[in-house]
């Protein structure tokens, strides 16, 4: 009788384990895949921040391509905000932009969010691909999803008013905390030790809340 009881107990554990693992596999298969993270990127608040870039408080980044010419894009936090965006308006080549000026407009369900330039100068080139496919900005914000290149006559000016490198990680964590606080169901969705965030947190915000949040985060 004792032997039969032991055998039945083991059988119950085996069946329970199979059921649990099957459930885990099904959940894992439904999880969306994150865009690749660059090798030099630190993760803060669940968002990647490559160390070779400089960051503006409006969640845009800057990278020097050559003397006086800088490439501009949005960071992974701003990119997550583009989930559900139907259209992106870009500046035109030859346009002069100021640091902190609204230069890119995201459209979603009749609402909009505007993103500011991290540098002053003349727009040399814009990434027409993201105007045609808004998802590219979400998928690869530090690569194929760049916004524009800007010629800055004063080669020292791009570094002015950008975030000090040693403060970027804490700044990103604080932004992530504020975003998740806007939706109770997102609370605790990212681990304090750098866990991955909810894949599309912006989709949990209705269009008007999304627009209002954008004005706050992107200095609109």
N, C-alpha and C. Protein backbone atom coordinates (compact mmCIF):
# COMPACT_ATOMS: atom_id res chain seq x y z
N UNK A 1 0.83 -1.21 0.00
CA UNK A 1 0.00 0.00 0.00
C UNK A 1 0.86 1.26 0.00
N UNK A 2 1.92 1.22 0.83
CA UNK A 2 2.84 2.36 0.90
C UNK A 2 3.50 2.60 -0.44
N UNK A 3 3.92 1.50 -1.10
CA UNK A 3 4.58 1.62 -2.41
C UNK A 3 3.62 2.24 -3.42
N UNK A 4 2.36 1.78 -3.41
CA UNK A 4 1.36 2.32 -4.33
C UNK A 4 1.13 3.80 -4.09
N UNK A 5 1.10 4.20 -2.82
CA UNK A 5 0.92 5.62 -2.48
C UNK A 5 2.06 6.47 -3.01
N UNK A 6 3.30 5.97 -2.85
CA UNK A 6 4.48 6.69 -3.35
C UNK A 6 4.42 6.84 -4.85
N UNK A 7 4.05 5.75 -5.55
CA UNK A 7 3.97 5.78 -7.02
C UNK A 7 2.93 6.80 -7.47
N UNK A 8 1.76 6.78 -6.82
CA UNK A 8 0.71 7.74 -7.17
C UNK A 8 1.14 9.18 -6.93
N UNK A 9 1.87 9.39 -5.83
CA UNK A 9 2.35 10.75 -5.50
C UNK A 9 3.29 11.25 -6.59
N UNK A 10 4.24 10.41 -7.00
CA UNK A 10 5.18 10.78 -8.06
C UNK A 10 4.43 11.06 -9.36
N UNK A 11 3.42 10.24 -9.66
CA UNK A 11 2.66 10.43 -10.89
C UNK A 11 1.95 11.78 -10.89
N UNK A 12 1.40 12.14 -9.73
CA UNK A 12 0.71 13.44 -9.62
C UNK A 12 1.69 14.60 -9.84
N UNK A 13 2.89 14.51 -9.25
CA UNK A 13 3.90 15.57 -9.43
C UNK A 13 4.32 15.69 -10.89
N UNK A 14 4.50 14.54 -11.55
CA UNK A 14 4.93 14.55 -12.96
C UNK A 14 3.88 15.22 -13.84
N UNK A 15 2.60 14.83 -13.63
CA UNK A 15 1.52 15.44 -14.42
C UNK A 15 1.43 16.93 -14.16
N UNK A 16 1.53 17.32 -12.89
CA UNK A 16 1.46 18.76 -12.54
C UNK A 16 2.59 19.53 -13.19
N UNK A 17 3.78 18.94 -13.20
CA UNK A 17 4.94 19.61 -13.80
C UNK A 17 4.76 19.79 -15.30
N UNK A 18 4.21 18.75 -15.97
CA UNK A 18 3.98 18.85 -17.41
C UNK A 18 2.97 19.95 -17.74
N UNK A 19 1.91 20.02 -16.93
CA UNK A 19 0.88 21.05 -17.15
C UNK A 19 1.44 22.45 -16.95
N UNK A 20 2.23 22.62 -15.88
CA UNK A 20 2.81 23.93 -15.60
C UNK A 20 3.78 24.35 -16.69
N UNK A 21 4.64 23.44 -17.13
CA UNK A 21 5.61 23.78 -18.17
C UNK A 21 4.94 24.09 -19.49
N UNK A 22 3.86 23.36 -19.79
CA UNK A 22 3.12 23.63 -21.01
C UNK A 22 2.54 25.04 -20.99
N UNK A 23 2.01 25.42 -19.80
CA UNK A 23 1.45 26.76 -19.65
C UNK A 23 2.49 27.83 -19.81
N UNK A 24 3.69 27.57 -19.24
CA UNK A 24 4.78 28.55 -19.36
C UNK A 24 5.20 28.71 -20.79
N UNK A 25 5.29 27.61 -21.53
CA UNK A 25 5.70 27.67 -22.93
C UNK A 25 4.71 28.46 -23.74
N UNK A 26 3.40 28.29 -23.42
CA UNK A 26 2.38 29.02 -24.17
C UNK A 26 2.49 30.51 -23.90
N UNK A 27 2.72 30.90 -22.64
CA UNK A 27 2.87 32.31 -22.29
C UNK A 27 4.10 32.90 -22.98
N UNK A 28 5.22 32.16 -22.93
CA UNK A 28 6.46 32.65 -23.54
C UNK A 28 6.29 32.87 -25.03
N UNK A 29 5.53 31.98 -25.68
CA UNK A 29 5.35 32.10 -27.12
C UNK A 29 4.55 33.34 -27.48
N UNK A 30 3.73 33.83 -26.55
CA UNK A 30 2.90 35.00 -26.82
C UNK A 30 3.63 36.31 -26.54
N UNK A 31 4.76 36.26 -25.85
CA UNK A 31 5.49 37.48 -25.51
C UNK A 31 6.12 38.09 -26.75
N UNK A 32 5.93 39.39 -27.01
CA UNK A 32 6.56 40.03 -28.16
C UNK A 32 8.07 40.07 -27.99
N UNK A 33 8.76 40.13 -29.09
CA UNK A 33 10.23 40.12 -29.07
C UNK A 33 10.75 41.56 -29.01
N UNK A 34 11.66 41.82 -28.10
CA UNK A 34 12.26 43.15 -28.00
C UNK A 34 13.19 43.40 -29.17
N UNK A 35 13.33 44.67 -29.57
CA UNK A 35 14.31 45.03 -30.58
C UNK A 35 15.71 44.76 -30.03
N UNK A 36 16.68 44.44 -30.90
CA UNK A 36 18.04 44.18 -30.44
C UNK A 36 18.61 45.37 -29.67
N UNK A 37 19.35 45.10 -28.61
CA UNK A 37 19.97 46.15 -27.81
C UNK A 37 21.45 46.22 -28.16
N UNK A 38 21.97 47.44 -28.34
CA UNK A 38 23.37 47.61 -28.73
C UNK A 38 24.29 47.11 -27.62
N UNK A 39 25.48 46.65 -28.03
CA UNK A 39 26.40 46.00 -27.09
C UNK A 39 26.82 46.92 -25.95
N UNK A 40 26.92 48.22 -26.21
CA UNK A 40 27.40 49.13 -25.17
C UNK A 40 26.27 49.75 -24.36
N UNK A 41 25.04 49.23 -24.53
CA UNK A 41 23.89 49.85 -23.88
C UNK A 41 23.71 49.38 -22.45
N UNK A 42 23.46 50.35 -21.58
CA UNK A 42 23.03 50.06 -20.21
C UNK A 42 21.50 50.02 -20.22
N UNK A 43 20.90 49.21 -19.37
CA UNK A 43 19.45 49.17 -19.27
C UNK A 43 19.05 49.82 -17.95
N UNK A 44 18.21 50.84 -18.03
CA UNK A 44 17.76 51.57 -16.83
C UNK A 44 16.25 51.73 -16.92
N UNK A 45 15.56 51.28 -15.88
CA UNK A 45 14.10 51.35 -15.90
C UNK A 45 13.50 50.48 -16.97
N UNK A 46 14.29 49.56 -17.51
CA UNK A 46 13.83 48.69 -18.57
C UNK A 46 14.11 49.22 -19.97
N UNK A 47 14.77 50.37 -20.08
CA UNK A 47 15.02 50.98 -21.39
C UNK A 47 16.53 51.07 -21.66
N UNK A 48 16.90 50.74 -22.90
CA UNK A 48 18.31 50.73 -23.28
C UNK A 48 18.82 52.15 -23.51
N UNK A 49 20.04 52.42 -23.02
CA UNK A 49 20.68 53.73 -23.22
C UNK A 49 22.15 53.49 -23.63
N UNK A 50 22.43 53.39 -24.92
CA UNK A 50 23.82 53.20 -25.38
C UNK A 50 24.73 54.31 -24.86
N UNK A 51 25.91 53.92 -24.40
CA UNK A 51 26.81 54.86 -23.74
C UNK A 51 27.52 55.80 -24.71
N UNK A 52 27.57 55.46 -26.00
CA UNK A 52 28.32 56.31 -26.93
C UNK A 52 27.50 57.50 -27.44
N UNK A 53 26.24 57.60 -27.01
CA UNK A 53 25.37 58.69 -27.44
C UNK A 53 25.23 59.74 -26.35
N UNK A 54 24.85 60.96 -26.74
CA UNK A 54 24.50 62.00 -25.78
C UNK A 54 22.98 62.19 -25.82
N UNK A 55 22.41 62.56 -24.67
CA UNK A 55 20.95 62.60 -24.55
C UNK A 55 20.44 63.98 -24.15
N UNK A 56 19.32 64.35 -24.77
CA UNK A 56 18.64 65.61 -24.45
C UNK A 56 17.48 65.29 -23.49
N UNK A 57 17.14 66.20 -22.57
CA UNK A 57 16.03 65.94 -21.64
C UNK A 57 14.70 65.65 -22.31
N UNK A 58 14.57 65.97 -23.60
CA UNK A 58 13.35 65.68 -24.35
C UNK A 58 13.32 64.29 -24.94
N UNK A 59 14.22 63.41 -24.46
CA UNK A 59 14.30 62.01 -24.89
C UNK A 59 14.72 61.84 -26.35
N UNK A 60 15.61 62.70 -26.79
CA UNK A 60 16.26 62.51 -28.09
C UNK A 60 17.75 62.29 -27.85
N UNK A 61 18.41 61.67 -28.83
CA UNK A 61 19.85 61.43 -28.71
C UNK A 61 20.60 62.09 -29.86
N UNK A 62 21.90 62.21 -29.63
CA UNK A 62 22.78 62.90 -30.58
C UNK A 62 24.06 62.09 -30.73
N UNK A 63 24.51 61.91 -31.96
CA UNK A 63 25.77 61.22 -32.22
C UNK A 63 26.54 61.99 -33.29
N UNK A 64 27.80 62.30 -33.02
CA UNK A 64 28.61 63.02 -34.00
C UNK A 64 29.03 62.06 -35.11
N UNK A 65 28.68 62.41 -36.35
CA UNK A 65 29.06 61.58 -37.49
C UNK A 65 30.41 62.02 -38.06
N UNK A 66 30.57 63.30 -38.18
CA UNK A 66 31.82 63.90 -38.65
C UNK A 66 31.81 65.35 -38.20
N UNK A 67 32.84 66.09 -38.49
CA UNK A 67 32.93 67.47 -38.03
C UNK A 67 31.69 68.26 -38.44
N UNK A 68 31.04 68.85 -37.46
CA UNK A 68 29.88 69.72 -37.62
C UNK A 68 28.58 68.99 -38.00
N UNK A 69 28.63 67.69 -38.20
CA UNK A 69 27.42 66.96 -38.60
C UNK A 69 27.06 65.93 -37.54
N UNK A 70 25.80 65.98 -37.09
CA UNK A 70 25.34 65.10 -36.02
C UNK A 70 24.08 64.35 -36.45
N UNK A 71 24.03 63.07 -36.08
CA UNK A 71 22.83 62.27 -36.32
C UNK A 71 21.93 62.37 -35.08
N UNK A 72 20.63 62.43 -35.31
CA UNK A 72 19.65 62.62 -34.24
C UNK A 72 18.61 61.51 -34.28
N UNK A 73 18.18 61.07 -33.10
CA UNK A 73 17.10 60.09 -33.02
C UNK A 73 16.40 60.21 -31.69
N UNK A 74 15.46 59.31 -31.43
CA UNK A 74 14.79 59.27 -30.13
C UNK A 74 15.32 58.08 -29.34
N UNK A 75 15.30 58.19 -28.02
CA UNK A 75 15.77 57.07 -27.19
C UNK A 75 14.70 55.98 -27.12
N UNK A 76 15.04 54.87 -26.47
CA UNK A 76 14.13 53.73 -26.44
C UNK A 76 12.85 54.02 -25.66
N UNK A 77 12.91 54.95 -24.71
CA UNK A 77 11.71 55.35 -23.97
C UNK A 77 10.73 56.05 -24.91
N UNK A 78 11.23 57.03 -25.67
CA UNK A 78 10.38 57.75 -26.63
C UNK A 78 9.90 56.80 -27.72
N UNK A 79 10.76 55.86 -28.12
CA UNK A 79 10.37 54.91 -29.16
C UNK A 79 9.19 54.06 -28.71
N UNK A 80 9.18 53.67 -27.43
CA UNK A 80 8.07 52.89 -26.90
C UNK A 80 6.76 53.68 -26.98
N UNK A 81 6.88 55.00 -26.94
CA UNK A 81 5.72 55.88 -27.01
C UNK A 81 5.10 55.90 -28.40
N UNK A 82 5.83 55.41 -29.40
CA UNK A 82 5.32 55.45 -30.77
C UNK A 82 4.43 54.25 -31.09
N UNK A 83 4.23 53.34 -30.14
CA UNK A 83 3.32 52.21 -30.38
C UNK A 83 1.93 52.74 -30.70
N UNK A 84 1.37 52.28 -31.79
CA UNK A 84 0.04 52.72 -32.19
C UNK A 84 0.02 53.99 -33.02
N UNK A 85 1.19 54.59 -33.26
CA UNK A 85 1.25 55.83 -34.06
C UNK A 85 0.98 55.50 -35.53
N UNK A 86 0.10 56.30 -36.15
CA UNK A 86 -0.26 56.05 -37.55
C UNK A 86 0.59 56.86 -38.53
N UNK A 87 1.13 57.99 -38.05
CA UNK A 87 1.83 58.89 -38.98
C UNK A 87 2.91 59.66 -38.24
N UNK A 88 4.02 59.92 -38.93
CA UNK A 88 5.11 60.72 -38.37
C UNK A 88 5.45 61.84 -39.35
N UNK A 89 5.42 63.08 -38.87
CA UNK A 89 5.82 64.24 -39.68
C UNK A 89 7.26 64.61 -39.34
N UNK A 90 8.08 64.80 -40.37
CA UNK A 90 9.48 65.16 -40.19
C UNK A 90 9.77 66.54 -40.75
N UNK A 91 10.85 67.19 -40.29
CA UNK A 91 11.23 68.48 -40.89
C UNK A 91 11.75 68.25 -42.31
N UNK A 92 12.00 69.32 -43.03
CA UNK A 92 12.51 69.21 -44.40
C UNK A 92 14.01 69.48 -44.44
N UNK A 93 14.70 68.84 -45.35
CA UNK A 93 16.12 69.11 -45.54
C UNK A 93 16.30 70.59 -45.88
N UNK A 94 17.29 71.22 -45.27
CA UNK A 94 17.53 72.64 -45.48
C UNK A 94 16.88 73.52 -44.43
N UNK A 95 15.98 72.96 -43.64
CA UNK A 95 15.31 73.72 -42.58
C UNK A 95 16.28 73.96 -41.42
N UNK A 96 16.23 75.16 -40.86
CA UNK A 96 17.04 75.47 -39.68
C UNK A 96 16.23 75.15 -38.43
N UNK A 97 16.83 74.39 -37.54
CA UNK A 97 16.13 74.04 -36.30
C UNK A 97 16.94 74.51 -35.11
N UNK A 98 16.26 74.88 -34.05
CA UNK A 98 16.91 75.30 -32.82
C UNK A 98 16.88 74.16 -31.81
N UNK A 99 17.82 74.16 -30.89
CA UNK A 99 17.78 73.17 -29.82
C UNK A 99 16.52 73.41 -28.98
N UNK A 100 15.74 72.36 -28.76
CA UNK A 100 14.50 72.49 -28.01
C UNK A 100 13.30 72.83 -28.86
N UNK A 101 13.49 73.00 -30.17
CA UNK A 101 12.36 73.31 -31.06
C UNK A 101 11.64 72.03 -31.45
N UNK A 102 10.30 72.11 -31.56
CA UNK A 102 9.51 70.95 -32.00
C UNK A 102 9.82 70.66 -33.46
N UNK A 103 10.25 69.45 -33.75
CA UNK A 103 10.65 69.14 -35.13
C UNK A 103 10.00 67.88 -35.69
N UNK A 104 9.52 67.01 -34.83
CA UNK A 104 8.89 65.76 -35.28
C UNK A 104 7.53 65.63 -34.59
N UNK A 105 6.51 65.25 -35.36
CA UNK A 105 5.17 65.11 -34.81
C UNK A 105 4.67 63.68 -35.00
N UNK A 106 4.20 63.09 -33.91
CA UNK A 106 3.61 61.75 -33.93
C UNK A 106 2.10 61.89 -33.88
N UNK A 107 1.38 61.16 -34.73
CA UNK A 107 -0.08 61.24 -34.78
C UNK A 107 -0.68 59.90 -34.38
N UNK A 108 -1.68 59.96 -33.48
CA UNK A 108 -2.37 58.74 -33.05
C UNK A 108 -3.81 59.07 -32.68
N UNK A 109 -4.75 58.46 -33.36
CA UNK A 109 -6.18 58.60 -33.05
C UNK A 109 -6.61 60.05 -32.90
N UNK A 110 -6.17 60.90 -33.80
CA UNK A 110 -6.57 62.30 -33.78
C UNK A 110 -5.80 63.16 -32.80
N UNK A 111 -4.92 62.58 -32.02
CA UNK A 111 -4.08 63.33 -31.08
C UNK A 111 -2.64 63.34 -31.60
N UNK A 112 -1.82 64.22 -31.04
CA UNK A 112 -0.44 64.28 -31.49
C UNK A 112 0.52 64.51 -30.34
N UNK A 113 1.75 64.10 -30.55
CA UNK A 113 2.85 64.34 -29.62
C UNK A 113 4.00 64.90 -30.45
N UNK A 114 4.63 65.96 -29.96
CA UNK A 114 5.74 66.57 -30.70
C UNK A 114 7.06 66.35 -29.96
N UNK A 115 8.10 66.12 -30.73
CA UNK A 115 9.43 65.83 -30.19
C UNK A 115 10.38 66.94 -30.61
N UNK A 116 11.25 67.34 -29.67
CA UNK A 116 12.12 68.49 -29.92
C UNK A 116 13.51 68.06 -30.39
N UNK A 117 14.18 68.98 -31.05
CA UNK A 117 15.55 68.72 -31.52
C UNK A 117 16.54 68.89 -30.38
N UNK A 118 17.54 68.01 -30.30
CA UNK A 118 18.56 68.15 -29.26
C UNK A 118 19.70 69.07 -29.66
N UNK A 119 19.63 69.61 -30.89
CA UNK A 119 20.76 70.40 -31.40
C UNK A 119 20.23 71.51 -32.32
N UNK A 120 21.01 72.59 -32.41
CA UNK A 120 20.67 73.67 -33.34
C UNK A 120 21.52 73.55 -34.60
N UNK A 121 20.88 73.77 -35.75
CA UNK A 121 21.63 73.74 -37.00
C UNK A 121 20.70 73.53 -38.18
N UNK A 122 21.28 73.23 -39.33
CA UNK A 122 20.52 73.01 -40.56
C UNK A 122 20.30 71.52 -40.79
N UNK A 123 19.07 71.15 -41.07
CA UNK A 123 18.77 69.75 -41.35
C UNK A 123 19.40 69.36 -42.69
N UNK A 124 20.26 68.36 -42.65
CA UNK A 124 20.94 67.90 -43.86
C UNK A 124 20.12 66.82 -44.56
N UNK A 125 19.61 65.89 -43.76
CA UNK A 125 18.89 64.75 -44.31
C UNK A 125 17.88 64.27 -43.27
N UNK A 126 16.74 63.75 -43.73
CA UNK A 126 15.76 63.14 -42.84
C UNK A 126 15.57 61.68 -43.26
N UNK A 127 15.14 60.87 -42.32
CA UNK A 127 14.94 59.45 -42.58
C UNK A 127 13.53 59.23 -43.12
N UNK A 128 13.40 59.26 -44.45
CA UNK A 128 12.09 59.13 -45.08
C UNK A 128 11.45 57.78 -44.79
N UNK A 129 12.24 56.79 -44.44
CA UNK A 129 11.70 55.45 -44.19
C UNK A 129 10.73 55.43 -43.01
N UNK A 130 11.01 56.24 -41.97
CA UNK A 130 10.10 56.21 -40.82
C UNK A 130 8.81 56.97 -41.11
N UNK A 131 8.85 57.89 -42.09
CA UNK A 131 7.62 58.56 -42.49
C UNK A 131 6.70 57.58 -43.21
N UNK A 132 7.30 56.61 -43.88
CA UNK A 132 6.53 55.60 -44.62
C UNK A 132 6.13 54.43 -43.71
N UNK A 133 6.95 54.14 -42.71
CA UNK A 133 6.70 53.01 -41.82
C UNK A 133 7.01 53.42 -40.38
N UNK A 134 5.97 53.84 -39.65
CA UNK A 134 6.16 54.36 -38.29
C UNK A 134 6.70 53.30 -37.34
N UNK A 135 6.48 52.02 -37.64
CA UNK A 135 6.93 50.96 -36.74
C UNK A 135 8.45 50.85 -36.68
N UNK A 136 9.14 51.36 -37.70
CA UNK A 136 10.60 51.28 -37.73
C UNK A 136 11.22 52.05 -36.57
N UNK A 137 10.60 53.14 -36.19
CA UNK A 137 11.09 53.94 -35.07
C UNK A 137 10.99 53.16 -33.77
N UNK A 138 9.94 52.41 -33.62
CA UNK A 138 9.76 51.59 -32.42
C UNK A 138 10.73 50.41 -32.39
N UNK A 139 10.96 49.81 -33.53
CA UNK A 139 11.75 48.59 -33.61
C UNK A 139 13.26 48.82 -33.46
N UNK A 140 13.75 49.96 -33.96
CA UNK A 140 15.20 50.17 -33.98
C UNK A 140 15.55 51.65 -33.79
N UNK A 141 15.24 52.22 -32.61
CA UNK A 141 15.42 53.67 -32.42
C UNK A 141 16.87 54.13 -32.50
N UNK A 142 17.84 53.26 -32.22
CA UNK A 142 19.24 53.66 -32.23
C UNK A 142 19.95 53.28 -33.54
N UNK A 143 19.18 52.72 -34.46
CA UNK A 143 19.77 52.29 -35.72
C UNK A 143 18.96 52.82 -36.90
N UNK A 144 18.22 51.91 -37.55
CA UNK A 144 17.47 52.26 -38.75
C UNK A 144 16.35 53.27 -38.48
N UNK A 145 15.99 53.45 -37.22
CA UNK A 145 14.91 54.38 -36.90
C UNK A 145 15.37 55.79 -36.56
N UNK A 146 16.57 56.18 -37.00
CA UNK A 146 17.06 57.54 -36.73
C UNK A 146 16.13 58.58 -37.37
N UNK A 147 16.19 59.84 -36.90
CA UNK A 147 15.29 60.88 -37.39
C UNK A 147 15.90 61.74 -38.50
N UNK A 148 17.09 62.31 -38.23
CA UNK A 148 17.67 63.28 -39.17
C UNK A 148 19.14 63.48 -38.87
N UNK A 149 19.84 64.12 -39.80
CA UNK A 149 21.19 64.59 -39.54
C UNK A 149 21.16 66.12 -39.61
N UNK A 150 21.97 66.75 -38.76
CA UNK A 150 21.95 68.21 -38.62
C UNK A 150 23.37 68.76 -38.71
N UNK A 151 23.55 69.80 -39.53
CA UNK A 151 24.83 70.50 -39.62
C UNK A 151 24.83 71.64 -38.61
N UNK A 152 25.76 71.58 -37.65
CA UNK A 152 25.87 72.61 -36.62
C UNK A 152 27.14 73.43 -36.89
N UNK A 153 27.02 74.68 -37.31
CA UNK A 153 28.20 75.49 -37.62
C UNK A 153 29.19 75.59 -36.47
N UNK A 154 28.65 75.69 -35.25
CA UNK A 154 29.50 75.72 -34.06
C UNK A 154 29.66 74.28 -33.59
N UNK A 155 30.83 73.70 -33.80
CA UNK A 155 31.03 72.27 -33.51
C UNK A 155 30.93 71.95 -32.02
N UNK A 156 31.02 72.98 -31.16
CA UNK A 156 30.93 72.76 -29.72
C UNK A 156 29.49 72.84 -29.20
N UNK A 157 28.61 73.48 -29.97
CA UNK A 157 27.25 73.73 -29.49
C UNK A 157 26.43 72.47 -29.22
N UNK A 158 26.61 71.37 -29.97
CA UNK A 158 25.77 70.20 -29.68
C UNK A 158 25.88 69.66 -28.27
N UNK A 159 26.98 69.89 -27.59
CA UNK A 159 27.16 69.35 -26.24
C UNK A 159 26.49 70.21 -25.18
N UNK A 160 26.04 71.40 -25.54
CA UNK A 160 25.43 72.28 -24.56
C UNK A 160 24.00 71.85 -24.24
N UNK A 161 23.64 71.95 -22.98
CA UNK A 161 22.28 71.64 -22.49
C UNK A 161 21.87 70.19 -22.66
N UNK A 162 22.83 69.31 -22.85
CA UNK A 162 22.53 67.88 -22.88
C UNK A 162 22.74 67.30 -21.49
N UNK A 163 22.20 66.12 -21.25
CA UNK A 163 22.30 65.52 -19.93
C UNK A 163 23.73 65.07 -19.64
N UNK A 164 24.25 65.35 -18.43
CA UNK A 164 25.56 64.81 -18.05
C UNK A 164 25.51 63.28 -18.11
N UNK A 165 26.55 62.69 -18.63
CA UNK A 165 26.57 61.24 -18.83
C UNK A 165 26.25 60.46 -17.57
N UNK A 166 26.77 60.92 -16.43
CA UNK A 166 26.60 60.17 -15.18
C UNK A 166 25.18 60.28 -14.61
N UNK A 167 24.33 61.10 -15.19
CA UNK A 167 22.96 61.26 -14.70
C UNK A 167 21.93 60.57 -15.58
N UNK A 168 22.34 60.08 -16.74
CA UNK A 168 21.39 59.55 -17.73
C UNK A 168 20.60 58.37 -17.18
N UNK A 169 21.26 57.41 -16.55
CA UNK A 169 20.57 56.21 -16.07
C UNK A 169 19.48 56.55 -15.05
N UNK A 170 19.79 57.41 -14.09
CA UNK A 170 18.78 57.79 -13.09
C UNK A 170 17.63 58.56 -13.72
N UNK A 171 17.95 59.40 -14.69
CA UNK A 171 16.93 60.16 -15.41
C UNK A 171 15.97 59.21 -16.14
N UNK A 172 16.52 58.17 -16.77
CA UNK A 172 15.69 57.22 -17.49
C UNK A 172 14.80 56.42 -16.53
N UNK A 173 15.38 56.01 -15.39
CA UNK A 173 14.58 55.27 -14.40
C UNK A 173 13.42 56.12 -13.90
N UNK A 174 13.68 57.39 -13.66
CA UNK A 174 12.64 58.28 -13.15
C UNK A 174 11.53 58.44 -14.18
N UNK A 175 11.89 58.54 -15.46
CA UNK A 175 10.89 58.66 -16.51
C UNK A 175 10.04 57.39 -16.59
N UNK A 176 10.69 56.23 -16.48
CA UNK A 176 9.96 54.96 -16.52
C UNK A 176 8.98 54.87 -15.36
N UNK A 177 9.40 55.28 -14.18
CA UNK A 177 8.52 55.24 -13.00
C UNK A 177 7.30 56.14 -13.20
N UNK A 178 7.53 57.32 -13.76
CA UNK A 178 6.42 58.25 -13.98
C UNK A 178 5.43 57.72 -15.00
N UNK A 179 5.96 57.07 -16.05
CA UNK A 179 5.07 56.51 -17.08
C UNK A 179 4.19 55.42 -16.51
N UNK A 180 4.78 54.48 -15.78
CA UNK A 180 4.00 53.38 -15.24
C UNK A 180 3.01 53.84 -14.17
N UNK A 181 3.34 54.93 -13.49
CA UNK A 181 2.42 55.46 -12.48
C UNK A 181 1.15 56.03 -13.12
N UNK A 182 1.20 56.32 -14.42
CA UNK A 182 0.03 56.88 -15.10
C UNK A 182 -1.06 55.84 -15.33
N UNK A 183 -0.68 54.56 -15.26
CA UNK A 183 -1.65 53.49 -15.45
C UNK A 183 -1.48 52.47 -14.34
N UNK A 184 -2.44 52.35 -13.42
CA UNK A 184 -2.30 51.41 -12.31
C UNK A 184 -1.96 49.99 -12.74
N UNK A 185 -2.50 49.54 -13.90
CA UNK A 185 -2.24 48.18 -14.32
C UNK A 185 -0.80 47.96 -14.76
N UNK A 186 -0.05 49.07 -14.94
CA UNK A 186 1.35 48.92 -15.32
C UNK A 186 2.27 48.89 -14.11
N UNK A 187 1.74 49.20 -12.94
CA UNK A 187 2.58 49.28 -11.74
C UNK A 187 3.28 47.94 -11.51
N UNK A 188 4.58 48.02 -11.26
CA UNK A 188 5.36 46.82 -11.00
C UNK A 188 5.70 46.04 -12.24
N UNK A 189 5.44 46.60 -13.42
CA UNK A 189 5.68 45.85 -14.65
C UNK A 189 7.14 45.77 -15.02
N UNK A 190 7.97 46.60 -14.38
CA UNK A 190 9.39 46.52 -14.66
C UNK A 190 10.15 46.35 -13.36
N UNK A 191 11.18 45.53 -13.39
CA UNK A 191 11.94 45.25 -12.17
C UNK A 191 12.90 46.38 -11.87
N UNK A 192 13.09 46.67 -10.59
CA UNK A 192 13.99 47.75 -10.18
C UNK A 192 15.43 47.45 -10.56
N UNK A 193 15.74 46.18 -10.75
CA UNK A 193 17.13 45.82 -11.08
C UNK A 193 17.38 45.82 -12.57
N UNK A 194 16.50 46.41 -13.36
CA UNK A 194 16.74 46.50 -14.79
C UNK A 194 15.95 45.51 -15.61
N UNK A 195 14.86 44.97 -15.08
CA UNK A 195 14.04 44.03 -15.82
C UNK A 195 13.38 44.69 -17.01
N UNK A 196 12.90 43.87 -17.94
CA UNK A 196 12.28 44.39 -19.15
C UNK A 196 10.92 45.00 -18.82
N UNK A 197 10.58 46.13 -19.47
CA UNK A 197 9.30 46.77 -19.22
C UNK A 197 8.19 46.08 -20.01
N UNK A 198 6.94 46.46 -19.73
CA UNK A 198 5.84 46.05 -20.58
C UNK A 198 6.19 46.46 -22.00
N UNK A 199 5.92 45.58 -22.96
CA UNK A 199 6.38 45.82 -24.32
C UNK A 199 5.81 47.09 -24.95
N UNK A 200 4.52 47.35 -24.75
CA UNK A 200 3.88 48.50 -25.37
C UNK A 200 3.12 49.31 -24.33
N UNK A 201 3.80 49.93 -23.37
CA UNK A 201 3.09 50.65 -22.31
C UNK A 201 2.24 51.80 -22.83
N UNK A 202 2.65 52.43 -23.94
CA UNK A 202 1.89 53.57 -24.46
C UNK A 202 0.50 53.15 -24.92
N UNK A 203 0.35 51.89 -25.33
CA UNK A 203 -0.96 51.42 -25.80
C UNK A 203 -1.97 51.32 -24.66
N UNK A 204 -1.48 51.28 -23.42
CA UNK A 204 -2.37 51.23 -22.27
C UNK A 204 -2.95 52.60 -21.96
N UNK A 205 -2.44 53.64 -22.60
CA UNK A 205 -2.93 55.00 -22.39
C UNK A 205 -3.91 55.35 -23.49
N UNK A 206 -5.06 55.93 -23.15
CA UNK A 206 -5.96 56.40 -24.19
C UNK A 206 -5.29 57.57 -24.92
N UNK A 207 -5.79 57.92 -26.09
CA UNK A 207 -5.12 58.89 -26.95
C UNK A 207 -4.88 60.24 -26.27
N UNK A 208 -5.87 60.72 -25.52
CA UNK A 208 -5.71 62.03 -24.87
C UNK A 208 -4.67 61.97 -23.76
N UNK A 209 -4.68 60.89 -22.98
CA UNK A 209 -3.67 60.73 -21.92
C UNK A 209 -2.29 60.57 -22.54
N UNK A 210 -2.22 59.84 -23.63
CA UNK A 210 -0.96 59.66 -24.37
C UNK A 210 -0.41 61.01 -24.82
N UNK A 211 -1.27 61.86 -25.37
CA UNK A 211 -0.84 63.18 -25.83
C UNK A 211 -0.37 64.05 -24.67
N UNK A 212 -1.12 64.04 -23.58
CA UNK A 212 -0.74 64.83 -22.40
C UNK A 212 0.58 64.34 -21.82
N UNK A 213 0.76 63.04 -21.77
CA UNK A 213 2.01 62.47 -21.26
C UNK A 213 3.17 62.85 -22.16
N UNK A 214 2.93 62.84 -23.46
CA UNK A 214 3.98 63.22 -24.40
C UNK A 214 4.44 64.65 -24.19
N UNK A 215 3.51 65.54 -23.93
CA UNK A 215 3.88 66.94 -23.69
C UNK A 215 4.76 67.05 -22.44
N UNK A 216 4.50 66.21 -21.46
CA UNK A 216 5.28 66.25 -20.23
C UNK A 216 6.68 65.64 -20.43
N UNK A 217 6.74 64.47 -21.03
CA UNK A 217 8.02 63.79 -21.16
C UNK A 217 8.94 64.40 -22.22
N UNK A 218 8.37 64.90 -23.31
CA UNK A 218 9.17 65.34 -24.43
C UNK A 218 9.32 66.85 -24.53
N UNK A 219 8.97 67.55 -23.43
CA UNK A 219 9.16 69.00 -23.32
C UNK A 219 8.41 69.76 -24.39
N UNK A 220 7.27 69.21 -24.79
CA UNK A 220 6.45 69.85 -25.83
C UNK A 220 5.77 71.08 -25.24
